[in-house]
Amino acid sequence: MTLIWFIIWLISTLVGDNESLTFDPVNWWTGTLILAIALDLSRQHAPQLGRTSRGE
């Protein structure tokens, strides 16, 4: 997820405006980066999420 975010941010920066990542205050790009990192890190806490356990 974080890699996908980085690719989108890189393409957006190259094609559009030069948008910096600011943490004080948090801008839109930094907010989505924090969300992507949180999703990546939370995946290890719920590895069975989305898988059905049928006892096989």
N, C-alpha and C. Protein backbone atom coordinates (compact mmCIF):
# COMPACT_ATOMS: atom_id res chain seq x y z
N MET A 1 0.81 -1.19 0.00
CA MET A 1 0.00 0.00 0.00
C MET A 1 0.86 1.26 0.00
N THR A 2 1.91 1.25 0.82
CA THR A 2 2.78 2.43 0.88
C THR A 2 3.52 2.62 -0.44
N LEU A 3 3.90 1.53 -1.08
CA LEU A 3 4.58 1.62 -2.38
C LEU A 3 3.65 2.21 -3.44
N ILE A 4 2.41 1.78 -3.42
CA ILE A 4 1.42 2.34 -4.36
C ILE A 4 1.24 3.83 -4.11
N TRP A 5 1.16 4.22 -2.83
CA TRP A 5 1.03 5.64 -2.48
C TRP A 5 2.23 6.41 -3.03
N PHE A 6 3.44 5.88 -2.86
CA PHE A 6 4.64 6.58 -3.32
C PHE A 6 4.64 6.76 -4.83
N ILE A 7 4.23 5.75 -5.56
CA ILE A 7 4.20 5.84 -7.03
C ILE A 7 3.19 6.92 -7.46
N ILE A 8 2.02 6.93 -6.84
CA ILE A 8 1.01 7.95 -7.18
C ILE A 8 1.53 9.34 -6.84
N TRP A 9 2.15 9.50 -5.66
CA TRP A 9 2.69 10.81 -5.26
C TRP A 9 3.79 11.26 -6.20
N LEU A 10 4.68 10.34 -6.60
CA LEU A 10 5.77 10.67 -7.50
C LEU A 10 5.26 11.12 -8.86
N ILE A 11 4.30 10.40 -9.41
CA ILE A 11 3.72 10.78 -10.70
C ILE A 11 3.02 12.13 -10.59
N SER A 12 2.29 12.33 -9.50
CA SER A 12 1.60 13.61 -9.30
C SER A 12 2.57 14.77 -9.17
N THR A 13 3.68 14.54 -8.49
CA THR A 13 4.68 15.59 -8.34
C THR A 13 5.37 15.90 -9.66
N LEU A 14 5.63 14.88 -10.47
CA LEU A 14 6.30 15.09 -11.75
C LEU A 14 5.37 15.75 -12.77
N VAL A 15 4.10 15.39 -12.75
CA VAL A 15 3.16 15.90 -13.74
C VAL A 15 2.54 17.22 -13.28
N GLY A 16 2.19 17.31 -12.00
CA GLY A 16 1.49 18.49 -11.48
C GLY A 16 2.43 19.40 -10.72
N ASP A 17 1.89 20.01 -9.69
CA ASP A 17 2.66 20.92 -8.84
C ASP A 17 3.62 20.15 -7.95
N ASN A 18 4.63 20.85 -7.48
CA ASN A 18 5.57 20.29 -6.51
C ASN A 18 4.95 20.39 -5.13
N GLU A 19 4.34 19.33 -4.66
CA GLU A 19 3.66 19.33 -3.36
C GLU A 19 4.56 18.68 -2.33
N SER A 20 4.92 19.43 -1.32
CA SER A 20 5.79 18.89 -0.28
C SER A 20 4.95 18.18 0.78
N LEU A 21 5.61 17.31 1.54
CA LEU A 21 4.95 16.62 2.64
C LEU A 21 5.18 17.42 3.90
N THR A 22 4.11 17.93 4.49
CA THR A 22 4.25 18.70 5.71
C THR A 22 3.50 17.99 6.84
N PHE A 23 4.14 17.95 8.01
CA PHE A 23 3.55 17.29 9.17
C PHE A 23 2.98 18.26 10.19
N ASP A 24 3.27 19.55 10.05
CA ASP A 24 2.75 20.52 10.99
C ASP A 24 2.32 21.77 10.24
N PRO A 25 1.13 21.92 9.78
CA PRO A 25 0.00 21.00 9.89
C PRO A 25 0.06 19.93 8.81
N VAL A 26 -0.63 18.85 9.05
CA VAL A 26 -0.64 17.72 8.11
C VAL A 26 -1.44 18.11 6.87
N ASN A 27 -0.81 17.97 5.70
CA ASN A 27 -1.55 18.25 4.46
C ASN A 27 -2.15 16.95 3.92
N TRP A 28 -2.84 17.05 2.79
CA TRP A 28 -3.56 15.91 2.21
C TRP A 28 -2.63 14.76 1.89
N TRP A 29 -1.49 15.02 1.29
CA TRP A 29 -0.55 13.96 0.91
C TRP A 29 0.02 13.26 2.14
N THR A 30 0.36 14.01 3.16
CA THR A 30 0.90 13.41 4.38
C THR A 30 -0.18 12.60 5.09
N GLY A 31 -1.40 13.06 5.07
CA GLY A 31 -2.50 12.31 5.67
C GLY A 31 -2.72 10.96 5.01
N THR A 32 -2.65 10.95 3.68
CA THR A 32 -2.82 9.67 2.99
C THR A 32 -1.61 8.77 3.19
N LEU A 33 -0.41 9.35 3.35
CA LEU A 33 0.77 8.54 3.66
C LEU A 33 0.63 7.89 5.04
N ILE A 34 0.17 8.65 6.03
CA ILE A 34 -0.03 8.09 7.36
C ILE A 34 -1.09 6.98 7.30
N LEU A 35 -2.15 7.17 6.54
CA LEU A 35 -3.17 6.14 6.38
C LEU A 35 -2.60 4.88 5.73
N ALA A 36 -1.79 5.04 4.68
CA ALA A 36 -1.20 3.88 4.00
C ALA A 36 -0.27 3.12 4.95
N ILE A 37 0.52 3.83 5.72
CA ILE A 37 1.41 3.17 6.68
C ILE A 37 0.59 2.45 7.75
N ALA A 38 -0.47 3.09 8.23
CA ALA A 38 -1.32 2.45 9.25
C ALA A 38 -1.97 1.19 8.71
N LEU A 39 -2.42 1.21 7.46
CA LEU A 39 -3.02 0.02 6.87
C LEU A 39 -1.99 -1.09 6.71
N ASP A 40 -0.77 -0.73 6.29
CA ASP A 40 0.30 -1.72 6.16
C ASP A 40 0.65 -2.35 7.50
N LEU A 41 0.76 -1.54 8.54
CA LEU A 41 1.13 -2.05 9.85
C LEU A 41 0.00 -2.83 10.52
N SER A 42 -1.26 -2.44 10.27
CA SER A 42 -2.38 -3.12 10.91
C SER A 42 -2.65 -4.48 10.29
N ARG A 43 -2.18 -4.70 9.09
CA ARG A 43 -2.40 -5.99 8.42
C ARG A 43 -1.77 -7.14 9.19
N GLN A 44 -0.65 -6.91 9.86
CA GLN A 44 0.00 -7.98 10.59
C GLN A 44 -0.78 -8.38 11.86
N HIS A 45 -1.67 -7.51 12.32
CA HIS A 45 -2.46 -7.82 13.50
C HIS A 45 -3.70 -8.63 13.17
N ALA A 46 -4.10 -8.66 11.92
CA ALA A 46 -5.29 -9.40 11.50
C ALA A 46 -4.97 -10.19 10.24
N PRO A 47 -4.07 -11.17 10.31
CA PRO A 47 -3.67 -11.90 9.09
C PRO A 47 -4.78 -12.75 8.51
N GLN A 48 -5.74 -13.16 9.32
CA GLN A 48 -6.81 -14.02 8.82
C GLN A 48 -8.01 -13.23 8.31
N LEU A 49 -7.96 -11.94 8.40
CA LEU A 49 -9.07 -11.12 7.94
C LEU A 49 -9.27 -11.29 6.44
N GLY A 50 -10.44 -11.59 6.04
CA GLY A 50 -10.74 -11.77 4.62
C GLY A 50 -10.61 -13.20 4.16
N ARG A 51 -10.05 -14.05 4.97
CA ARG A 51 -9.95 -15.47 4.63
C ARG A 51 -11.04 -16.22 5.38
N THR A 52 -11.63 -17.15 4.70
CA THR A 52 -12.66 -17.95 5.36
C THR A 52 -12.02 -19.21 5.91
N SER A 53 -12.33 -19.52 7.14
CA SER A 53 -11.78 -20.75 7.74
C SER A 53 -12.87 -21.80 7.76
N ARG A 54 -12.66 -22.85 6.99
CA ARG A 54 -13.63 -23.93 6.87
C ARG A 54 -13.11 -25.20 7.53
N GLY A 55 -11.97 -25.08 8.22
CA GLY A 55 -11.44 -26.25 8.88
C GLY A 55 -10.74 -27.21 7.94
N GLU A 56 -10.33 -26.73 6.80
CA GLU A 56 -9.68 -27.60 5.82
C GLU A 56 -8.20 -27.71 6.11
